[in-house]
Amino acid sequence: MMLSEDKITHTTHMLLRGLLQQGLIEAKVEESDIRREIKRVFVAELKLGEEFDAAVRAKIDTLSKKLVEGSPEWEIVYKKYYEEEENKRGRR
């Protein structure tokens, strides 16, 4: 599920504030530039997750045994296929 623009923006502000307060990063460029990059990566990862989800659901739909979404068996197969998709695309 894609997050709203406002939630993504809020999350980037909170993340940057936390990183700076904890001394985990030192801003050598404008904070707005850092937030923009955080947002770009965040959105890219969300889109990738949506692509994985769509691929996994399509694969589950091709199974000869129809699984009921949300059932324990469906959840196990979904997780297995999701991990396979991550591996296939070099994300693990």
Foldseek 3Di string as FASTA:
>chain_A
DDDDPVVLLVVLVVVVVVCVVVVVDDDPDDSVVVSVVSSVVVVVVVVVLVVLQVVQVVVQVPDPDNDDPPDPVNVVSSVVSSVVVCVVVVND
